[in-house]
């Protein structure tokens, strides 16, 4: 049995040290940049002002797309790239990424006509989008059209007026993306990287040609740290512009923010797998309904950001509008009346200011302002392509070469506290927390386990280990004490 690699949170040996690359932001893009850097033999430091994977990575719809969406615009290179990237996730994280059927009912409106999807199926076959990067026994079925009867069998109650057929394909689904972020960080640490959550970048000062001195602060103890680096990668998601300023960047806007959100609804899934729904009106967007621990995870809603808007979360009116859309598209499912258990909202990059449309391509920007260390800003748009973007970034940082990626180390156990046959124990939870840099009870509930999905399970976890932390997650505030060393 492989030994589990821990993610120790220790400031020892950090202050005053020199690193080849410092990565700011430990979502999926930052974590995979750390994997690529460490496996190239670079001295690597990964820091995040909050917990690992607490931003858009956690709040995503949890779909890893296989490229079908790009056939609509005939972006064939991107379609093939997405298919390859989906296969990478399935191959490297078989315990955390699963294949899932997706069905779109076709009513003959616009591009959602059977003829359009027949053409897409031919293109998908020619481009070999059905998991050719996986062994034959694991390849996913190709896109195909199914009859109206099969659509109704898969999703009973689906509106039948004008229903002509359905498009059926397979994508990948990751129930817990935060676990994937943790496993990527474990992968980087196994190659020598250092990773610290709750450590914030405060500023940067050019030290000499080709290097900068970064000022960091530990948000738990208040300790101030200084490190020197030859390259800095800013992968901070919604904070990319703020961090760029702290790093002495050129000041140009990189994000162009839009609001994106998904809803966890207290409603039984209307069928198995994923259902793509479009309300019957001109210009309506398509929503995806995932079966998620016996409930419905629906998304994604998008909205523009108004000038000077400091509240980058969807309003009650926006959420209600989305629920009304779901009701219109599938009245029998009762999603508009279902209780909203969680709004998973964050900021994603758009195409221009005050526009709700999302950017479709990632941005990798070399910033030459300020001198000192090489500075790169990474603005990702999809979880799916994070591995390819990370390879591209490190190729630019290093001037070529590929990482010698050894197999991912054995992952942590005990994180699945919902779908298990044996009761979760206090010892198992504390062992998990101690090995994965957990500082706060909220981190354990929200991002190291799947207890966040269910109120009763959350309460059981709190009852088991709440006394080992200073505070309780039910207060809605982060606690400020580590697990006692004696409990480790």
Protein backbone atom coordinates (compact mmCIF):
# COMPACT_ATOMS: atom_id res chain seq x y z
CA UNK A 1 0.00 0.00 0.00
CA UNK A 2 1.36 3.42 -0.94
CA UNK A 3 2.19 5.83 1.85
CA UNK A 4 -0.04 8.90 1.99
CA UNK A 5 1.82 12.16 1.40
CA UNK A 6 0.88 14.80 3.96
CA UNK A 7 0.50 18.52 3.31
CA UNK A 8 2.26 19.95 6.37
CA UNK A 9 1.57 23.52 7.35
CA UNK A 10 4.86 24.72 8.77
CA UNK A 11 6.52 28.10 8.41
CA UNK A 12 9.88 26.60 9.31
CA UNK A 13 12.49 27.19 6.66
CA UNK A 14 10.38 29.72 4.71
CA UNK A 15 11.50 33.14 5.94
CA UNK A 16 14.54 34.42 4.08
CA UNK A 17 14.61 31.55 1.62
CA UNK A 18 15.00 31.73 -2.15
CA UNK A 19 12.59 29.93 -4.46
CA UNK A 20 12.73 29.46 -8.20
CA UNK A 21 9.01 30.18 -8.46
CA UNK A 22 6.36 31.46 -6.06
CA UNK A 23 2.74 30.77 -7.03
CA UNK A 24 0.09 33.00 -5.46
CA UNK A 25 -3.38 31.44 -5.40
CA UNK A 26 -4.10 27.80 -4.59
CA UNK A 27 -7.18 27.06 -6.63
CA UNK A 28 -6.95 24.44 -9.35
CA UNK A 29 -4.81 26.63 -11.63
CA UNK A 30 -2.31 27.51 -8.93
CA UNK A 31 -2.20 23.95 -7.61
CA UNK A 32 -1.43 22.51 -11.05
CA UNK A 33 1.18 25.19 -11.71
CA UNK A 34 2.83 23.97 -8.49
CA UNK A 35 2.66 20.38 -9.75
CA UNK A 36 4.31 21.35 -13.03
CA UNK A 37 6.97 23.48 -11.35
CA UNK A 38 7.92 20.98 -8.65
CA UNK A 39 8.12 18.09 -11.11
CA UNK A 40 10.51 20.16 -13.23
CA UNK A 41 12.83 20.28 -10.24
CA UNK A 42 12.12 23.93 -9.38
CA UNK A 43 12.14 25.11 -5.79
CA UNK A 44 8.45 25.92 -5.51
CA UNK A 45 6.32 27.79 -2.98
CA UNK A 46 2.51 27.89 -3.24
CA UNK A 47 0.58 30.32 -1.02
CA UNK A 48 -3.05 31.38 -0.65
CA UNK A 49 -4.56 34.06 1.56
CA UNK A 50 -7.49 31.72 2.35
CA UNK A 51 -7.86 27.96 2.31
CA UNK A 52 -6.80 25.78 -0.60
CA UNK A 53 -9.46 25.66 -3.31
CA UNK A 54 -11.93 27.91 -1.50
CA UNK A 55 -12.87 30.10 -4.46
CA UNK A 56 -14.25 29.32 -7.90
CA UNK A 57 -12.80 25.80 -7.79
CA UNK A 58 -15.19 24.86 -4.96
CA UNK A 59 -18.15 26.75 -6.39
CA UNK A 60 -18.13 25.28 -9.90
CA UNK A 61 -20.83 23.14 -11.51
CA UNK A 62 -18.40 20.22 -11.26
CA UNK A 63 -18.49 19.34 -14.96
CA UNK A 64 -15.37 18.54 -16.99
CA UNK A 65 -16.41 19.11 -20.59
CA UNK A 66 -15.26 16.93 -23.45
CA UNK A 67 -15.40 19.48 -26.26
CA UNK A 68 -18.94 19.11 -27.61
CA UNK A 69 -19.77 22.75 -26.90
CA UNK A 70 -17.08 23.90 -29.34
CA UNK A 71 -18.55 22.03 -32.29
CA UNK A 72 -21.36 24.61 -32.37
CA UNK A 73 -18.87 27.32 -33.32
CA UNK A 74 -16.71 24.95 -35.39
CA UNK A 75 -13.76 25.52 -33.06
CA UNK A 76 -12.41 22.09 -33.91
CA UNK A 77 -8.92 22.45 -32.34
CA UNK A 78 -10.53 23.47 -29.03
CA UNK A 79 -12.96 20.55 -29.25
CA UNK A 80 -10.12 18.08 -29.61
CA UNK A 81 -8.14 19.76 -26.84
CA UNK A 82 -11.10 19.57 -24.44
CA UNK A 83 -11.60 15.90 -25.22
CA UNK A 84 -7.94 15.23 -24.47
CA UNK A 85 -8.13 17.25 -21.25
CA UNK A 86 -11.25 15.41 -20.07
CA UNK A 87 -9.41 12.12 -20.62
CA UNK A 88 -6.47 13.43 -18.57
CA UNK A 89 -8.74 14.01 -15.59
CA UNK A 90 -10.43 10.63 -15.93
CA UNK A 91 -7.07 8.87 -16.18
CA UNK A 92 -5.32 10.67 -13.31
CA UNK A 93 -8.20 10.99 -10.84
CA UNK A 94 -10.36 7.87 -11.33
CA UNK A 95 -11.45 8.00 -7.71
CA UNK A 96 -12.64 11.62 -7.93
CA UNK A 97 -13.76 12.08 -11.56
CA UNK A 98 -16.48 9.90 -13.08
CA UNK A 99 -18.10 9.64 -16.50
CA UNK A 100 -21.68 10.88 -16.60
CA UNK A 101 -24.34 10.75 -19.36
CA UNK A 102 -25.76 14.11 -20.42
CA UNK A 103 -29.07 14.44 -22.26
CA UNK A 104 -30.44 17.46 -24.09
CA UNK A 105 -34.10 17.22 -25.23
CA UNK A 106 -34.44 18.56 -28.77
CA UNK A 107 -37.56 20.54 -29.63
CA UNK A 108 -36.44 21.79 -33.05
CA UNK A 109 -35.57 25.34 -31.97
CA UNK A 110 -32.48 27.13 -33.28
CA UNK A 111 -29.25 25.15 -33.02
CA UNK A 112 -31.01 22.60 -30.81
CA UNK A 113 -32.53 20.80 -33.79
CA UNK A 114 -31.93 17.10 -34.48
CA UNK A 115 -30.25 17.93 -37.80
CA UNK A 116 -27.69 20.15 -36.06
CA UNK A 117 -26.80 17.40 -33.61
CA UNK A 118 -26.56 14.79 -36.34
CA UNK A 119 -23.94 16.98 -37.96
CA UNK A 120 -22.23 17.41 -34.57
CA UNK A 121 -22.18 13.63 -34.12
CA UNK A 122 -20.43 13.23 -37.48
CA UNK A 123 -17.85 15.86 -36.51
CA UNK A 124 -17.34 14.27 -33.09
CA UNK A 125 -16.67 10.93 -34.78
CA UNK A 126 -14.23 12.44 -37.28
CA UNK A 127 -12.41 14.29 -34.48
CA UNK A 128 -12.39 11.14 -32.31
CA UNK A 129 -13.86 12.90 -29.29
CA UNK A 130 -14.92 9.66 -27.56
CA UNK A 131 -11.99 9.28 -25.15
CA UNK A 132 -9.34 7.94 -27.47
CA UNK A 133 -6.78 8.88 -24.80
CA UNK A 134 -8.16 6.20 -22.48
CA UNK A 135 -7.87 2.41 -22.66
CA UNK A 136 -10.49 0.81 -24.88
CA UNK A 137 -12.47 -0.54 -21.93
CA UNK A 138 -12.81 2.96 -20.44
CA UNK A 139 -13.66 4.95 -23.55
CA UNK A 140 -16.87 6.90 -23.41
CA UNK A 141 -19.72 6.30 -25.86
CA UNK A 142 -19.90 8.74 -28.75
CA UNK A 143 -22.53 11.46 -29.11
CA UNK A 144 -25.75 10.03 -30.53
CA UNK A 145 -29.38 10.96 -31.02
CA UNK A 146 -32.06 9.08 -29.11
CA UNK A 147 -35.79 9.00 -29.74
CA UNK A 148 -38.40 10.97 -27.82
CA UNK A 149 -39.47 7.78 -26.03
CA UNK A 150 -36.00 7.27 -24.55
CA UNK A 151 -35.88 10.90 -23.47
CA UNK A 152 -39.14 10.42 -21.56
CA UNK A 153 -37.88 7.17 -20.04
CA UNK A 154 -34.68 8.76 -18.80
CA UNK A 155 -36.44 11.87 -17.48
CA UNK A 156 -40.11 11.14 -16.77
CA UNK A 157 -42.28 14.23 -16.82
CA UNK A 158 -40.15 16.08 -19.36
CA UNK A 159 -42.39 18.37 -21.49
CA UNK A 160 -43.47 16.44 -24.58
CA UNK A 161 -45.04 19.22 -26.67
CA UNK A 162 -42.83 19.47 -29.76
CA UNK A 163 -40.29 16.99 -28.38
CA UNK A 164 -38.54 15.46 -31.40
CA UNK A 165 -35.58 13.55 -29.97
CA UNK A 166 -32.63 14.00 -27.65
CA UNK A 167 -28.87 14.37 -27.88
CA UNK A 168 -26.99 11.99 -25.57
CA UNK A 169 -23.29 12.31 -24.81
CA UNK A 170 -20.88 11.72 -21.95
CA UNK A 171 -18.86 14.26 -19.98
CA UNK A 172 -16.90 13.88 -16.77
CA UNK A 173 -18.24 14.89 -13.36
CA UNK A 174 -16.26 15.68 -10.20
CA UNK A 175 -18.50 15.63 -7.12
CA UNK A 176 -15.86 17.29 -4.94
CA UNK A 177 -13.48 19.60 -6.86
CA UNK A 178 -11.93 20.75 -3.59
CA UNK A 179 -10.67 17.21 -3.06
CA UNK A 180 -9.02 17.36 -6.48
CA UNK A 181 -7.28 20.61 -5.51
CA UNK A 182 -5.99 18.94 -2.33
CA UNK A 183 -4.75 15.92 -4.27
CA UNK A 184 -2.97 18.19 -6.77
CA UNK A 185 -1.25 19.98 -3.89
CA UNK A 186 -0.31 16.60 -2.42
CA UNK A 187 1.15 15.74 -5.86
CA UNK A 188 3.23 18.95 -5.82
CA UNK A 189 4.39 18.40 -2.24
CA UNK A 190 5.51 14.87 -3.11
CA UNK A 191 7.95 16.46 -5.59
CA UNK A 192 9.31 18.94 -3.04
CA UNK A 193 6.97 21.95 -3.22
CA UNK A 194 6.00 23.89 -0.09
CA UNK A 195 2.31 24.81 0.22
CA UNK A 196 0.82 27.23 2.76
CA UNK A 197 -2.79 28.25 3.17
CA UNK A 198 -3.75 31.45 5.01
CA UNK A 199 -0.51 33.14 3.95
CA UNK A 200 -1.10 36.43 2.16
CA UNK A 201 1.10 38.31 -0.30
CA UNK A 202 1.48 41.90 0.88
CA UNK A 203 3.94 43.33 -1.62
CA UNK A 204 6.95 42.85 -3.87
CA UNK A 205 10.22 44.70 -4.29
CA UNK A 206 12.71 44.19 -7.13
CA UNK A 207 15.94 43.01 -5.56
CA UNK A 208 18.23 42.73 -8.55
CA UNK A 209 17.96 41.81 -12.19
CA UNK A 210 15.91 38.65 -12.41
CA UNK A 211 14.69 38.41 -8.82
CA UNK A 212 12.25 40.05 -6.39
CA UNK A 213 11.68 40.01 -2.68
CA UNK A 214 8.12 39.16 -1.69
CA UNK A 215 6.55 40.23 1.60
CA UNK A 216 4.17 37.63 3.06
CA UNK A 217 2.16 37.48 6.26
CA UNK A 218 0.73 34.46 8.06
CA UNK A 219 -2.92 35.38 8.66
CA UNK A 220 -3.15 32.95 11.58
CA UNK A 221 -0.19 34.02 13.73
CA UNK A 222 0.54 37.42 12.19
CA UNK A 223 4.14 36.39 11.48
CA UNK A 224 5.80 38.35 8.68
CA UNK A 225 7.88 36.46 6.14
CA UNK A 226 10.16 37.44 3.29
CA UNK A 227 11.17 35.24 0.38
CA UNK A 228 13.15 35.84 -2.78
CA UNK A 229 12.05 34.44 -6.13
CA UNK A 230 13.08 34.45 -9.76
CA UNK A 231 9.52 34.06 -11.05
CA UNK A 232 6.07 34.78 -9.66
CA UNK A 233 2.82 33.33 -10.98
CA UNK A 234 -0.39 35.15 -10.06
CA UNK A 235 -3.23 32.61 -10.22
CA UNK A 236 -5.61 34.23 -7.75
CA UNK A 237 -8.85 34.10 -9.72
CA UNK A 238 -11.18 36.92 -8.73
CA UNK A 239 -8.32 38.69 -6.91
CA UNK A 240 -5.98 38.68 -9.89
CA UNK A 241 -6.05 42.47 -10.41
CA UNK A 242 -5.53 43.27 -6.72
CA UNK A 243 -2.60 40.85 -6.46
CA UNK A 244 -1.16 42.18 -9.73
CA UNK A 245 -1.02 45.65 -8.14
CA UNK A 246 0.71 44.27 -5.05
CA UNK A 247 3.26 42.60 -7.28
CA UNK A 248 3.97 45.91 -9.02
CA UNK A 249 2.22 44.99 -12.25
CA UNK A 250 1.36 47.33 -15.08
CA UNK A 251 -2.11 48.08 -13.72
CA UNK A 252 -4.11 46.94 -16.74
CA UNK A 253 -7.37 45.15 -15.94
CA UNK A 254 -7.10 41.39 -16.40
CA UNK A 255 -10.39 40.06 -15.08
CA UNK A 256 -13.43 41.98 -16.52
CA UNK A 257 -15.63 40.34 -13.87
CA UNK A 258 -19.00 38.67 -14.27
CA UNK A 259 -21.03 36.90 -11.60
CA UNK A 260 -21.60 33.17 -12.02
CA UNK A 261 -23.60 30.92 -9.71
CA UNK A 262 -24.97 27.41 -9.24
CA UNK A 263 -27.82 26.31 -6.99
CA UNK A 264 -28.07 23.23 -4.78
CA UNK A 265 -31.82 22.57 -4.62
CA UNK A 266 -33.71 20.45 -2.11
CA UNK A 267 -35.47 18.47 -4.81
CA UNK A 268 -35.09 14.87 -5.99
CA UNK A 269 -33.25 14.49 -9.30
CA UNK A 270 -35.78 14.21 -12.15
CA UNK A 271 -33.72 11.38 -13.66
CA UNK A 272 -30.24 9.89 -13.75
CA UNK A 273 -27.16 11.72 -15.01
CA UNK A 274 -27.23 15.28 -16.28
CA UNK A 275 -30.10 17.05 -18.06
CA UNK A 276 -29.56 20.09 -20.30
CA UNK A 277 -32.60 22.38 -20.27
CA UNK A 278 -33.41 25.50 -22.25
CA UNK A 279 -36.54 27.58 -21.51
CA UNK A 280 -38.77 27.92 -24.60
CA UNK A 281 -38.06 31.56 -25.40
CA UNK A 282 -35.76 33.37 -27.78
CA UNK A 283 -32.26 33.90 -26.48
CA UNK A 284 -32.73 31.76 -23.36
CA UNK A 285 -29.61 30.17 -21.94
CA UNK A 286 -29.18 26.45 -21.33
CA UNK A 287 -28.99 25.17 -17.76
CA UNK A 288 -27.60 21.83 -16.62
CA UNK A 289 -29.18 19.75 -13.86
CA UNK A 290 -26.93 17.27 -12.10
CA UNK A 291 -27.97 14.54 -9.71
CA UNK A 292 -25.95 15.35 -6.60
CA UNK A 293 -26.25 13.28 -3.41
CA UNK A 294 -29.96 12.76 -3.97
CA UNK A 295 -30.63 16.41 -4.79
CA UNK A 296 -30.33 18.70 -7.80
CA UNK A 297 -27.29 20.84 -8.57
CA UNK A 298 -28.35 23.37 -11.21
CA UNK A 299 -26.32 25.91 -13.15
CA UNK A 300 -24.90 28.04 -14.33
CA UNK A 301 -26.48 31.48 -14.00
CA UNK A 302 -24.56 34.52 -15.23
CA UNK A 303 -24.96 38.26 -14.69
CA UNK A 304 -23.04 41.40 -15.59
CA UNK A 305 -21.28 43.44 -12.92
CA UNK A 306 -22.47 47.02 -12.61
CA UNK A 307 -19.99 49.88 -12.31
CA UNK A 308 -18.76 50.20 -8.74
CA UNK A 309 -20.69 47.13 -7.57
CA UNK A 310 -18.86 45.82 -4.51
CA UNK A 311 -21.35 42.99 -3.89
CA UNK A 312 -20.24 40.38 -6.41
CA UNK A 313 -22.94 37.85 -5.57
CA UNK A 314 -26.25 37.17 -7.33
CA UNK A 315 -29.25 39.09 -6.00
CA UNK A 316 -32.42 37.38 -4.82
CA UNK A 317 -34.08 38.55 -8.03
CA UNK A 318 -31.42 36.89 -10.19
CA UNK A 319 -31.74 33.62 -8.30
CA UNK A 320 -35.53 33.73 -8.57
CA UNK A 321 -35.27 34.41 -12.30
CA UNK A 322 -33.13 31.31 -12.75
CA UNK A 323 -35.59 29.21 -10.74
CA UNK A 324 -38.43 30.52 -12.89
CA UNK A 325 -36.47 29.51 -16.00
CA UNK A 326 -36.07 25.99 -14.62
CA UNK A 327 -39.78 25.81 -13.87
CA UNK A 328 -40.66 26.97 -17.36
CA UNK A 329 -38.33 24.44 -18.98
CA UNK A 330 -39.44 21.48 -16.81
CA UNK A 331 -42.61 22.28 -14.83
CA UNK A 332 -43.12 18.76 -13.43
CA UNK A 333 -39.74 18.78 -11.68
CA UNK A 334 -40.89 21.49 -9.25
CA UNK A 335 -37.50 23.15 -9.12
CA UNK A 336 -38.86 26.66 -8.86
CA UNK A 337 -40.55 25.82 -5.56
CA UNK A 338 -37.68 23.78 -4.12
CA UNK A 339 -35.74 25.20 -1.20
CA UNK A 340 -32.31 26.57 -2.12
CA UNK A 341 -29.83 24.77 0.12
CA UNK A 342 -26.73 26.53 -1.16
CA UNK A 343 -25.79 29.25 -3.62
CA UNK A 344 -22.34 28.54 -5.04
CA UNK A 345 -21.32 31.89 -6.47
CA UNK A 346 -18.07 33.48 -7.56
CA UNK A 347 -16.59 35.85 -10.10
CA UNK A 348 -15.47 34.65 -13.54
CA UNK A 349 -13.79 36.58 -16.38
CA UNK A 350 -16.01 38.17 -19.00
CA UNK A 351 -15.48 39.45 -22.52
CA UNK A 352 -15.89 43.18 -21.83
CA UNK A 353 -16.94 45.44 -18.94
CA UNK A 354 -20.59 45.24 -17.82
CA UNK A 355 -21.30 42.23 -20.07
CA UNK A 356 -22.75 38.97 -18.74
CA UNK A 357 -21.01 36.83 -21.36
CA UNK A 358 -18.13 34.74 -20.07
CA UNK A 359 -14.67 34.66 -21.60
CA UNK A 360 -14.14 31.45 -23.52
CA UNK A 361 -10.35 31.29 -23.50
CA UNK A 362 -7.80 31.51 -20.69
CA UNK A 363 -5.29 34.34 -20.53
CA UNK A 364 -1.60 34.03 -19.75
CA UNK A 365 -0.10 37.51 -19.47
CA UNK A 366 3.59 38.29 -19.03
CA UNK A 367 3.95 41.51 -17.04
CA UNK A 368 7.17 43.40 -17.58
CA UNK A 369 6.37 46.31 -15.25
CA UNK A 370 8.45 46.89 -12.14
CA UNK A 371 11.53 44.87 -13.09
CA UNK A 372 12.87 42.13 -10.86
CA UNK A 373 11.44 38.61 -11.06
CA UNK A 374 9.53 37.41 -14.10
CA UNK A 375 5.82 37.97 -13.45
CA UNK A 376 3.02 35.97 -15.02
CA UNK A 377 -0.73 36.41 -14.53
CA UNK A 378 -3.03 33.47 -15.24
CA UNK A 379 -6.77 34.00 -15.77
CA UNK A 380 -8.49 30.66 -16.19
CA UNK A 381 -12.01 30.10 -17.48
CA UNK A 382 -12.62 26.36 -17.04
CA UNK A 383 -11.56 23.71 -14.55
CA UNK A 384 -11.29 21.35 -17.53
CA UNK A 385 -8.25 22.98 -19.11
CA UNK A 386 -6.28 23.84 -15.96
CA UNK A 387 -3.73 21.08 -16.56
CA UNK A 388 -2.93 22.24 -20.10
CA UNK A 389 -2.75 25.90 -19.03
CA UNK A 390 -0.38 25.03 -16.18
CA UNK A 391 1.91 23.20 -18.62
CA UNK A 392 1.89 26.21 -20.95
CA UNK A 393 2.68 28.63 -18.10
CA UNK A 394 5.63 26.62 -16.84
CA UNK A 395 6.88 26.12 -20.39
CA UNK A 396 7.01 29.91 -20.67
CA UNK A 397 8.57 30.34 -17.22
CA UNK A 398 11.26 27.72 -17.84
CA UNK A 399 11.81 28.39 -21.50
CA UNK A 400 10.79 24.92 -22.58
CA UNK A 401 10.81 21.36 -21.35
CA UNK A 402 8.08 19.23 -19.81
CA UNK A 403 7.63 18.03 -16.27
CA UNK A 404 8.46 14.41 -15.52
CA UNK A 405 5.10 13.74 -13.87
CA UNK A 406 5.36 10.73 -11.62
CA UNK A 407 2.10 8.98 -10.68
CA UNK A 408 -0.09 10.87 -8.28
CA UNK A 409 0.61 9.81 -4.68
CA UNK A 410 -1.98 7.95 -2.66
CA UNK A 411 -4.78 10.23 -1.53
CA UNK A 412 -6.19 10.88 1.89
CA UNK A 413 -8.90 8.60 3.23
CA UNK A 414 -11.97 9.35 5.29
CA UNK A 415 -13.09 12.42 3.36
CA UNK A 416 -16.35 10.87 2.10
CA UNK A 417 -18.60 11.17 5.14
CA UNK A 418 -21.88 10.88 3.20
CA UNK A 419 -21.62 7.74 1.08
CA UNK A 420 -20.01 5.31 3.49
CA UNK A 421 -21.08 2.10 5.18
CA UNK A 422 -19.11 2.64 8.41
CA UNK A 423 -19.72 5.57 10.76
CA UNK A 424 -17.20 8.38 10.64
CA UNK A 425 -15.02 8.65 13.74
CA UNK A 426 -13.37 11.50 15.56
CA UNK A 427 -9.95 9.88 15.12
CA UNK A 428 -10.40 9.59 11.33
CA UNK A 429 -11.47 13.23 11.05
CA UNK A 430 -8.56 14.50 13.13
CA UNK A 431 -6.09 12.37 11.20
CA UNK A 432 -7.46 13.81 7.96
CA UNK A 433 -7.24 17.36 9.32
CA UNK A 434 -3.69 16.89 10.59
CA UNK A 435 -2.43 15.52 7.27
CA UNK A 436 -4.10 18.13 5.05
CA UNK A 437 -3.24 21.48 6.59
CA UNK A 438 -6.66 22.05 8.17
CA UNK A 439 -6.68 25.11 10.45
CA UNK A 440 -10.38 25.74 10.84
CA UNK A 441 -13.43 23.58 11.33
CA UNK A 442 -15.00 25.17 8.27
CA UNK A 443 -12.08 23.95 6.15
CA UNK A 444 -12.68 20.39 7.30
CA UNK A 445 -16.42 20.51 6.62
CA UNK A 446 -16.40 22.50 3.39
CA UNK A 447 -13.25 21.44 1.56
CA UNK A 448 -11.71 18.29 3.08
CA UNK A 449 -14.93 16.29 3.40
CA UNK A 450 -18.33 16.37 1.71
CA UNK A 451 -20.14 17.09 4.98
CA UNK A 452 -21.18 20.50 3.62
CA UNK A 453 -23.74 18.84 1.32
CA UNK A 454 -26.01 17.67 4.14
CA UNK A 455 -27.07 19.52 7.30
CA UNK A 456 -27.36 16.37 9.45
CA UNK A 457 -23.93 15.13 8.42
CA UNK A 458 -22.46 18.55 9.05
CA UNK A 459 -23.86 18.50 12.58
CA UNK A 460 -22.40 15.04 13.21
CA UNK A 461 -18.95 16.23 12.17
CA UNK A 462 -19.28 19.31 14.38
CA UNK A 463 -20.33 17.13 17.31
CA UNK A 464 -17.33 14.84 16.82
CA UNK A 465 -14.54 17.40 16.43
CA UNK A 466 -16.00 20.81 17.22
CA UNK A 467 -14.35 20.87 20.64
CA UNK A 468 -10.95 20.39 19.01
CA UNK A 469 -11.27 23.79 17.35
CA UNK A 470 -11.83 27.22 18.89
CA UNK A 471 -15.35 27.86 17.68
CA UNK A 472 -18.01 26.09 15.65
CA UNK A 473 -18.77 26.18 11.95
CA UNK A 474 -22.43 26.84 12.67
CA UNK A 475 -21.56 30.40 13.68
CA UNK A 476 -20.63 31.08 10.08
CA UNK A 477 -17.25 32.45 11.16
CA UNK A 478 -13.87 30.89 10.66
CA UNK A 479 -12.24 29.66 13.84
CA UNK A 480 -8.73 30.61 14.84
CA UNK A 481 -7.08 27.61 16.46
CA UNK A 482 -5.31 24.61 15.13
CA UNK A 483 -5.94 21.06 16.17
CA UNK A 484 -3.97 20.34 19.31
CA UNK A 485 -0.65 18.77 18.47
CA UNK A 486 -1.43 15.94 20.92
CA UNK A 487 -4.40 14.95 18.77
CA UNK A 488 -2.18 14.38 15.75
